[in-house]
Amino acid sequence: MAQEIKVGVKGMTCAACVARVERVIKRLPGVVSATVNLTTEKAFVEYLPETVSLARIRQAIREAGYEPLEGTEEAREEGPTYRKDLLLALPFALLTLLLAMGPMLLPLPHLPEALQALAALPVLYAGRRFFRQALAEARHRAFGMSTLVALGAGSAYLYSFLVLLFPRLFPEEARHLYFEAGAVILALVLLEKHLEEGAKGKASEAIRKLLTLRPKTARVVQEGRRRRSPPWP
């Protein structure tokens, strides 16, 4: 007999992510149907437990580059967030920007350009989820927002690093560094995801509070007689 489960999925950023998660789940033998909601970050799966296990469904989600959450509904709500990575990325992105643009705008001394590369490294680490998801998207040949973010930030850092180490490989007019561009891209995307996550959390909390206002019973007048209705389900 088919059973229905609800699995929290972290890391989805766009409709392409939703389609990819649905596709990898539906490919599993024993899965009857799968619907993924980007807003609630949950996958609703109907499956045959004698053919496919819940662990295998979570593994398929993980192989697609996303994080399946386990445990109770409360535990799923407290899954991995963007706040910690954002707190790491923002100060180092600002530092990288100051090192790159500061001497042009303010009376600051010109510091070694290698400092920009070092300052941008923590930002790359903070945005590691986008690179991990981009690799998963490449494996499945289904590219989404993570691919765009990883290509933009990664190519900016890689090009700048090569210019820094091997400047003679490039024409003189092309020897520019873009460490701050990659760092700012990642920091802004993390900020956007953090704000989006907060908005979703507030909306979910508001819905839960509305549900608590629902009366447990009601009095019904039928043929002139009052009777108490059974509790709501």
C-alpha atoms as a PDB file:
ATOM      1  CA  MET A   1       0.000   0.000   0.000  1.00  0.00           C
ATOM      2  CA  ALA A   2       1.298   3.446  -0.912  1.00  0.00           C
ATOM      3  CA  GLN A   3       2.313   5.844   1.857  1.00  0.00           C
ATOM      4  CA  GLU A   4       2.718   9.609   1.850  1.00  0.00           C
ATOM      5  CA  ILE A   5       5.615  11.475   3.461  1.00  0.00           C
ATOM      6  CA  LYS A   6       6.764  15.064   3.722  1.00  0.00           C
ATOM      7  CA  VAL A   7      10.518  15.709   3.492  1.00  0.00           C
ATOM      8  CA  GLY A   8      12.141  19.084   4.128  1.00  0.00           C
ATOM      9  CA  VAL A   9      14.579  20.115   1.388  1.00  0.00           C
ATOM     10  CA  LYS A  10      17.137  22.893   1.882  1.00  0.00           C
ATOM     11  CA  GLY A  11      19.167  24.588  -0.831  1.00  0.00           C
ATOM     12  CA  MET A  12      16.548  25.124  -3.546  1.00  0.00           C
ATOM     13  CA  THR A  13      16.742  28.568  -5.129  1.00  0.00           C
ATOM     14  CA  CYS A  14      14.491  28.584  -8.205  1.00  0.00           C
ATOM     15  CA  ALA A  15      11.916  26.696 -10.264  1.00  0.00           C
ATOM     16  CA  ALA A  16      14.705  24.734 -11.947  1.00  0.00           C
ATOM     17  CA  CYS A  17      15.729  23.362  -8.539  1.00  0.00           C
ATOM     18  CA  VAL A  18      12.142  22.291  -7.865  1.00  0.00           C
ATOM     19  CA  ALA A  19      11.907  20.500 -11.207  1.00  0.00           C
ATOM     20  CA  ARG A  20      15.235  18.750 -10.607  1.00  0.00           C
ATOM     21  CA  VAL A  21      14.279  17.477  -7.129  1.00  0.00           C
ATOM     22  CA  GLU A  22      10.929  16.237  -8.423  1.00  0.00           C
ATOM     23  CA  ARG A  23      12.642  14.505 -11.337  1.00  0.00           C
ATOM     24  CA  VAL A  24      15.237  12.614  -9.266  1.00  0.00           C
ATOM     25  CA  ILE A  25      12.580  11.438  -6.816  1.00  0.00           C
ATOM     26  CA  LYS A  26      10.173  10.299  -9.531  1.00  0.00           C
ATOM     27  CA  ARG A  27      12.939   8.280 -11.191  1.00  0.00           C
ATOM     28  CA  LEU A  28      13.166   5.997  -8.155  1.00  0.00           C
ATOM     29  CA  PRO A  29      11.379   2.652  -8.561  1.00  0.00           C
ATOM     30  CA  GLY A  30       8.449   2.566  -6.184  1.00  0.00           C
ATOM     31  CA  VAL A  31       7.718   6.301  -6.179  1.00  0.00           C
ATOM     32  CA  VAL A  32       4.108   6.929  -7.216  1.00  0.00           C
ATOM     33  CA  SER A  33       4.209  10.732  -7.249  1.00  0.00           C
ATOM     34  CA  ALA A  34       6.341  13.624  -6.026  1.00  0.00           C
ATOM     35  CA  THR A  35       5.509  17.308  -5.645  1.00  0.00           C
ATOM     36  CA  VAL A  36       7.998  19.886  -4.378  1.00  0.00           C
ATOM     37  CA  ASN A  37       7.067  23.295  -2.992  1.00  0.00           C
ATOM     38  CA  LEU A  38       9.755  25.980  -3.206  1.00  0.00           C
ATOM     39  CA  THR A  39       8.072  28.320  -0.708  1.00  0.00           C
ATOM     40  CA  THR A  40       7.731  25.768   2.086  1.00  0.00           C
ATOM     41  CA  GLU A  41      10.907  23.900   0.996  1.00  0.00           C
ATOM     42  CA  LYS A  42       9.194  20.531   1.279  1.00  0.00           C
ATOM     43  CA  ALA A  43       8.752  17.505  -0.948  1.00  0.00           C
ATOM     44  CA  PHE A  44       5.458  15.611  -0.773  1.00  0.00           C
ATOM     45  CA  VAL A  45       6.098  12.028  -1.880  1.00  0.00           C
ATOM     46  CA  GLU A  46       3.755   9.079  -2.357  1.00  0.00           C
ATOM     47  CA  TYR A  47       5.728   5.843  -2.486  1.00  0.00           C
ATOM     48  CA  LEU A  48       5.592   2.083  -2.007  1.00  0.00           C
ATOM     49  CA  PRO A  49       7.615   1.270   1.144  1.00  0.00           C
ATOM     50  CA  GLU A  50       8.132  -2.335   0.080  1.00  0.00           C
ATOM     51  CA  THR A  51       9.945  -1.099  -3.056  1.00  0.00           C
ATOM     52  CA  VAL A  52      11.780   2.064  -2.026  1.00  0.00           C
ATOM     53  CA  SER A  53      12.779   3.318   1.421  1.00  0.00           C
ATOM     54  CA  LEU A  54      12.640   6.797   2.893  1.00  0.00           C
ATOM     55  CA  ALA A  55      16.430   6.695   3.283  1.00  0.00           C
ATOM     56  CA  ARG A  56      16.797   6.067  -0.474  1.00  0.00           C
ATOM     57  CA  ILE A  57      14.547   9.043  -1.252  1.00  0.00           C
ATOM     58  CA  ARG A  58      16.654  11.291   0.970  1.00  0.00           C
ATOM     59  CA  GLN A  59      19.809   9.941  -0.663  1.00  0.00           C
ATOM     60  CA  ALA A  60      18.456  10.835  -4.116  1.00  0.00           C
ATOM     61  CA  ILE A  61      17.771  14.390  -2.951  1.00  0.00           C
ATOM     62  CA  ARG A  62      21.286  14.641  -1.536  1.00  0.00           C
ATOM     63  CA  GLU A  63      22.834  13.299  -4.751  1.00  0.00           C
ATOM     64  CA  ALA A  64      20.989  16.034  -6.652  1.00  0.00           C
ATOM     65  CA  GLY A  65      22.888  18.616  -4.591  1.00  0.00           C
ATOM     66  CA  TYR A  66      20.314  19.509  -1.931  1.00  0.00           C
ATOM     67  CA  GLU A  67      19.981  18.825   1.769  1.00  0.00           C
ATOM     68  CA  PRO A  68      17.121  16.560   2.900  1.00  0.00           C
ATOM     69  CA  LEU A  69      16.139  17.297   6.483  1.00  0.00           C
ATOM     70  CA  GLU A  70      15.307  14.551   8.931  1.00  0.00           C
ATOM     71  CA  GLY A  71      13.406  14.263  12.168  1.00  0.00           C
ATOM     72  CA  THR A  72      10.252  15.958  13.353  1.00  0.00           C
ATOM     73  CA  GLU A  73       8.505  18.925  11.795  1.00  0.00           C
ATOM     74  CA  GLU A  74      10.112  21.176  14.414  1.00  0.00           C
ATOM     75  CA  ALA A  75      13.566  19.826  13.562  1.00  0.00           C
ATOM     76  CA  ARG A  76      12.959  20.446   9.877  1.00  0.00           C
ATOM     77  CA  GLU A  77      12.029  24.039  10.585  1.00  0.00           C
ATOM     78  CA  GLU A  78      15.366  24.462  12.363  1.00  0.00           C
ATOM     79  CA  GLY A  79      17.431  23.112   9.483  1.00  0.00           C
ATOM     80  CA  PRO A  80      20.525  24.722   7.976  1.00  0.00           C
ATOM     81  CA  THR A  81      20.154  28.470   7.394  1.00  0.00           C
ATOM     82  CA  TYR A  82      22.025  31.174   5.504  1.00  0.00           C
ATOM     83  CA  ARG A  83      22.611  33.417   8.535  1.00  0.00           C
ATOM     84  CA  LYS A  84      25.918  31.881   9.649  1.00  0.00           C
ATOM     85  CA  ASP A  85      27.400  31.994   6.145  1.00  0.00           C
ATOM     86  CA  LEU A  86      26.162  35.551   5.663  1.00  0.00           C
ATOM     87  CA  LEU A  87      27.828  36.719   8.874  1.00  0.00           C
ATOM     88  CA  LEU A  88      31.099  35.279   7.586  1.00  0.00           C
ATOM     89  CA  ALA A  89      30.765  36.599   4.023  1.00  0.00           C
ATOM     90  CA  LEU A  90      29.692  40.218   4.646  1.00  0.00           C
ATOM     91  CA  PRO A  91      32.707  41.561   6.568  1.00  0.00           C
ATOM     92  CA  PHE A  92      35.246  39.874   4.294  1.00  0.00           C
ATOM     93  CA  ALA A  93      33.392  41.020   1.172  1.00  0.00           C
ATOM     94  CA  LEU A  94      33.518  44.596   2.472  1.00  0.00           C
ATOM     95  CA  LEU A  95      37.208  44.169   3.316  1.00  0.00           C
ATOM     96  CA  THR A  96      37.942  42.876  -0.194  1.00  0.00           C
ATOM     97  CA  LEU A  97      36.027  45.799  -1.686  1.00  0.00           C
ATOM     98  CA  LEU A  98      37.930  48.270   0.494  1.00  0.00           C
ATOM     99  CA  LEU A  99      41.298  46.773  -0.495  1.00  0.00           C
ATOM    100  CA  ALA A 100      40.387  46.940  -4.191  1.00  0.00           C
ATOM    101  CA  MET A 101      38.577  50.281  -4.420  1.00  0.00           C
ATOM    102  CA  GLY A 102      39.764  52.124  -1.330  1.00  0.00           C
ATOM    103  CA  PRO A 103      43.008  53.549  -2.752  1.00  0.00           C
ATOM    104  CA  MET A 104      41.060  54.988  -5.699  1.00  0.00           C
ATOM    105  CA  LEU A 105      38.459  56.725  -3.542  1.00  0.00           C
ATOM    106  CA  LEU A 106      40.205  57.473  -0.261  1.00  0.00           C
ATOM    107  CA  PRO A 107      43.712  58.565   0.757  1.00  0.00           C
ATOM    108  CA  LEU A 108      44.726  55.031   1.687  1.00  0.00           C
ATOM    109  CA  PRO A 109      48.096  53.377   1.085  1.00  0.00           C
ATOM    110  CA  HIS A 110      48.313  50.864  -1.751  1.00  0.00           C
ATOM    111  CA  LEU A 111      48.556  47.430  -0.167  1.00  0.00           C
ATOM    112  CA  PRO A 112      49.782  44.203  -1.819  1.00  0.00           C
ATOM    113  CA  GLU A 113      47.153  42.830  -4.197  1.00  0.00           C
ATOM    114  CA  ALA A 114      47.612  39.353  -2.724  1.00  0.00           C
ATOM    115  CA  LEU A 115      45.654  40.595   0.301  1.00  0.00           C
ATOM    116  CA  GLN A 116      42.562  40.793  -1.883  1.00  0.00           C
ATOM    117  CA  ALA A 117      42.905  37.119  -2.749  1.00  0.00           C
ATOM    118  CA  LEU A 118      43.244  36.201   0.927  1.00  0.00           C
ATOM    119  CA  ALA A 119      40.312  38.396   1.987  1.00  0.00           C
ATOM    120  CA  ALA A 120      38.041  36.854  -0.656  1.00  0.00           C
ATOM    121  CA  LEU A 121      38.752  33.256   0.391  1.00  0.00           C
ATOM    122  CA  PRO A 122      36.390  33.259   3.435  1.00  0.00           C
ATOM    123  CA  VAL A 123      33.627  34.590   1.164  1.00  0.00           C
ATOM    124  CA  LEU A 124      34.152  31.684  -1.229  1.00  0.00           C
ATOM    125  CA  TYR A 125      33.930  29.308   1.714  1.00  0.00           C
ATOM    126  CA  ALA A 126      30.722  30.967   2.906  1.00  0.00           C
ATOM    127  CA  GLY A 127      29.223  30.449  -0.557  1.00  0.00           C
ATOM    128  CA  ARG A 128      30.386  26.845  -0.889  1.00  0.00           C
ATOM    129  CA  ARG A 129      26.811  25.562  -1.148  1.00  0.00           C
ATOM    130  CA  PHE A 130      26.408  27.299  -4.520  1.00  0.00           C
ATOM    131  CA  PHE A 131      29.520  25.597  -5.907  1.00  0.00           C
ATOM    132  CA  ARG A 132      28.392  22.226  -4.553  1.00  0.00           C
ATOM    133  CA  GLN A 133      24.953  22.633  -6.086  1.00  0.00           C
ATOM    134  CA  ALA A 134      26.466  23.843  -9.377  1.00  0.00           C
ATOM    135  CA  LEU A 135      28.471  20.606  -9.609  1.00  0.00           C
ATOM    136  CA  ALA A 136      25.317  18.594  -8.990  1.00  0.00           C
ATOM    137  CA  GLU A 137      23.498  20.602 -11.654  1.00  0.00           C
ATOM    138  CA  ALA A 138      26.320  19.929 -14.106  1.00  0.00           C
ATOM    139  CA  ARG A 139      26.149  16.192 -13.401  1.00  0.00           C
ATOM    140  CA  HIS A 140      22.431  16.182 -14.147  1.00  0.00           C
ATOM    141  CA  ARG A 141      22.787  18.621 -17.079  1.00  0.00           C
ATOM    142  CA  ALA A 142      20.114  20.846 -15.561  1.00  0.00           C
ATOM    143  CA  PHE A 143      21.532  24.254 -14.795  1.00  0.00           C
ATOM    144  CA  GLY A 144      19.936  26.749 -12.423  1.00  0.00           C
ATOM    145  CA  MET A 145      20.688  29.810 -10.332  1.00  0.00           C
ATOM    146  CA  SER A 146      23.492  28.102  -8.412  1.00  0.00           C
ATOM    147  CA  THR A 147      25.364  27.561 -11.664  1.00  0.00           C
ATOM    148  CA  LEU A 148      25.103  31.266 -12.521  1.00  0.00           C
ATOM    149  CA  VAL A 149      26.313  32.327  -9.069  1.00  0.00           C
ATOM    150  CA  ALA A 150      29.174  29.811  -9.051  1.00  0.00           C
ATOM    151  CA  LEU A 151      30.297  30.764 -12.563  1.00  0.00           C
ATOM    152  CA  GLY A 152      30.155  34.486 -11.837  1.00  0.00           C
ATOM    153  CA  ALA A 153      31.988  34.385  -8.517  1.00  0.00           C
ATOM    154  CA  GLY A 154      34.316  31.505  -9.392  1.00  0.00           C
ATOM    155  CA  SER A 155      35.456  32.872 -12.752  1.00  0.00           C
ATOM    156  CA  ALA A 156      36.105  36.321 -11.249  1.00  0.00           C
ATOM    157  CA  TYR A 157      38.303  34.811  -8.535  1.00  0.00           C
ATOM    158  CA  LEU A 158      40.076  32.336 -10.829  1.00  0.00           C
ATOM    159  CA  TYR A 159      40.863  34.943 -13.493  1.00  0.00           C
ATOM    160  CA  SER A 160      42.163  37.380 -10.889  1.00  0.00           C
ATOM    161  CA  PHE A 161      44.270  34.670  -9.269  1.00  0.00           C
ATOM    162  CA  LEU A 162      45.870  33.787 -12.603  1.00  0.00           C
ATOM    163  CA  VAL A 163      46.573  37.461 -13.336  1.00  0.00           C
ATOM    164  CA  LEU A 164      48.154  37.789  -9.902  1.00  0.00           C
ATOM    165  CA  LEU A 165      50.420  34.748 -10.347  1.00  0.00           C
ATOM    166  CA  PHE A 166      51.140  34.888 -14.078  1.00  0.00           C
ATOM    167  CA  PRO A 167      50.644  38.472 -15.270  1.00  0.00           C
ATOM    168  CA  ARG A 168      52.757  37.962 -18.390  1.00  0.00           C
ATOM    169  CA  LEU A 169      50.219  35.482 -19.756  1.00  0.00           C
ATOM    170  CA  PHE A 170      47.779  38.345 -20.268  1.00  0.00           C
ATOM    171  CA  PRO A 171      47.970  41.549 -22.330  1.00  0.00           C
ATOM    172  CA  GLU A 172      48.887  44.560 -20.222  1.00  0.00           C
ATOM    173  CA  GLU A 173      45.459  46.135 -20.658  1.00  0.00           C
ATOM    174  CA  ALA A 174      43.801  42.931 -19.397  1.00  0.00           C
ATOM    175  CA  ARG A 175      45.774  42.609 -16.162  1.00  0.00           C
ATOM    176  CA  HIS A 176      42.923  43.594 -13.873  1.00  0.00           C
ATOM    177  CA  LEU A 177      41.826  41.963 -10.631  1.00  0.00           C
ATOM    178  CA  TYR A 178      38.189  41.194  -9.851  1.00  0.00           C
ATOM    179  CA  PHE A 179      38.418  39.594  -6.423  1.00  0.00           C
ATOM    180  CA  GLU A 180      35.948  42.130  -5.025  1.00  0.00           C
ATOM    181  CA  ALA A 181      33.420  41.349  -7.775  1.00  0.00           C
ATOM    182  CA  GLY A 182      33.261  37.656  -6.906  1.00  0.00           C
ATOM    183  CA  ALA A 183      33.121  38.370  -3.176  1.00  0.00           C
ATOM    184  CA  VAL A 184      30.326  40.931  -3.517  1.00  0.00           C
ATOM    185  CA  ILE A 185      28.300  38.607  -5.770  1.00  0.00           C
ATOM    186  CA  LEU A 186      28.360  35.842  -3.173  1.00  0.00           C
ATOM    187  CA  ALA A 187      27.671  38.183  -0.255  1.00  0.00           C
ATOM    188  CA  LEU A 188      24.661  39.772  -1.976  1.00  0.00           C
ATOM    189  CA  VAL A 189      23.178  36.417  -2.973  1.00  0.00           C
ATOM    190  CA  LEU A 190      23.597  35.136   0.587  1.00  0.00           C
ATOM    191  CA  LEU A 191      21.937  38.310   1.890  1.00  0.00           C
ATOM    192  CA  GLU A 192      19.026  37.838  -0.493  1.00  0.00           C
ATOM    193  CA  LYS A 193      18.595  34.199   0.556  1.00  0.00           C
ATOM    194  CA  HIS A 194      18.776  35.153   4.241  1.00  0.00           C
ATOM    195  CA  LEU A 195      16.053  37.788   3.825  1.00  0.00           C
ATOM    196  CA  GLU A 196      13.926  35.359   1.840  1.00  0.00           C
ATOM    197  CA  GLU A 197      14.378  32.724   4.523  1.00  0.00           C
ATOM    198  CA  GLY A 198      13.300  35.190   7.201  1.00  0.00           C
ATOM    199  CA  ALA A 199      10.192  36.159   5.250  1.00  0.00           C
ATOM    200  CA  LYS A 200       9.227  32.494   4.847  1.00  0.00           C
ATOM    201  CA  GLY A 201       9.699  31.897   8.559  1.00  0.00           C
ATOM    202  CA  LYS A 202       7.467  34.834   9.503  1.00  0.00           C
ATOM    203  CA  ALA A 203       4.778  33.702   7.082  1.00  0.00           C
ATOM    204  CA  SER A 204       4.843  30.156   8.477  1.00  0.00           C
ATOM    205  CA  GLU A 205       4.640  31.460  12.033  1.00  0.00           C
ATOM    206  CA  ALA A 206       1.677  33.689  11.138  1.00  0.00           C
ATOM    207  CA  ILE A 207      -0.162  30.718   9.598  1.00  0.00           C
ATOM    208  CA  ARG A 208       0.496  28.601  12.696  1.00  0.00           C
ATOM    209  CA  LYS A 209      -0.902  31.363  14.925  1.00  0.00           C
ATOM    210  CA  LEU A 210      -4.005  31.637  12.758  1.00  0.00           C
ATOM    211  CA  LEU A 211      -4.577  27.898  13.094  1.00  0.00           C
ATOM    212  CA  THR A 212      -4.484  28.175  16.884  1.00  0.00           C
ATOM    213  CA  LEU A 213      -7.453  30.591  16.683  1.00  0.00           C
ATOM    214  CA  ARG A 214      -9.645  27.891  15.149  1.00  0.00           C
ATOM    215  CA  PRO A 215     -12.432  26.886  17.608  1.00  0.00           C
ATOM    216  CA  LYS A 216     -12.367  23.281  18.739  1.00  0.00           C
ATOM    217  CA  THR A 217     -16.162  22.946  18.811  1.00  0.00           C
ATOM    218  CA  ALA A 218     -19.225  24.786  17.519  1.00  0.00           C
ATOM    219  CA  ARG A 219     -22.910  24.936  18.513  1.00  0.00           C
ATOM    220  CA  VAL A 220     -25.316  24.008  15.744  1.00  0.00           C
ATOM    221  CA  VAL A 221     -29.032  24.880  15.672  1.00  0.00           C
ATOM    222  CA  GLN A 222     -30.932  22.105  13.906  1.00  0.00           C
ATOM    223  CA  GLU A 223     -34.732  21.979  13.782  1.00  0.00           C
ATOM    224  CA  GLY A 224     -34.885  24.453  16.613  1.00  0.00           C
ATOM    225  CA  ARG A 225     -32.637  22.425  18.855  1.00  0.00           C
ATOM    226  CA  ARG A 226     -29.076  23.272  19.783  1.00  0.00           C
ATOM    227  CA  ARG A 227     -26.405  20.640  19.782  1.00  0.00           C
ATOM    228  CA  ARG A 228     -22.671  20.661  20.176  1.00  0.00           C
ATOM    229  CA  SER A 229     -20.672  19.651  17.135  1.00  0.00           C
ATOM    230  CA  PRO A 230     -17.839  17.100  17.430  1.00  0.00           C
ATOM    231  CA  PRO A 231     -14.273  18.427  17.665  1.00  0.00           C
ATOM    232  CA  TRP A 232     -12.683  19.643  14.477  1.00  0.00           C
ATOM    233  CA  PRO A 233     -10.109  17.264  12.988  1.00  0.00           C
END
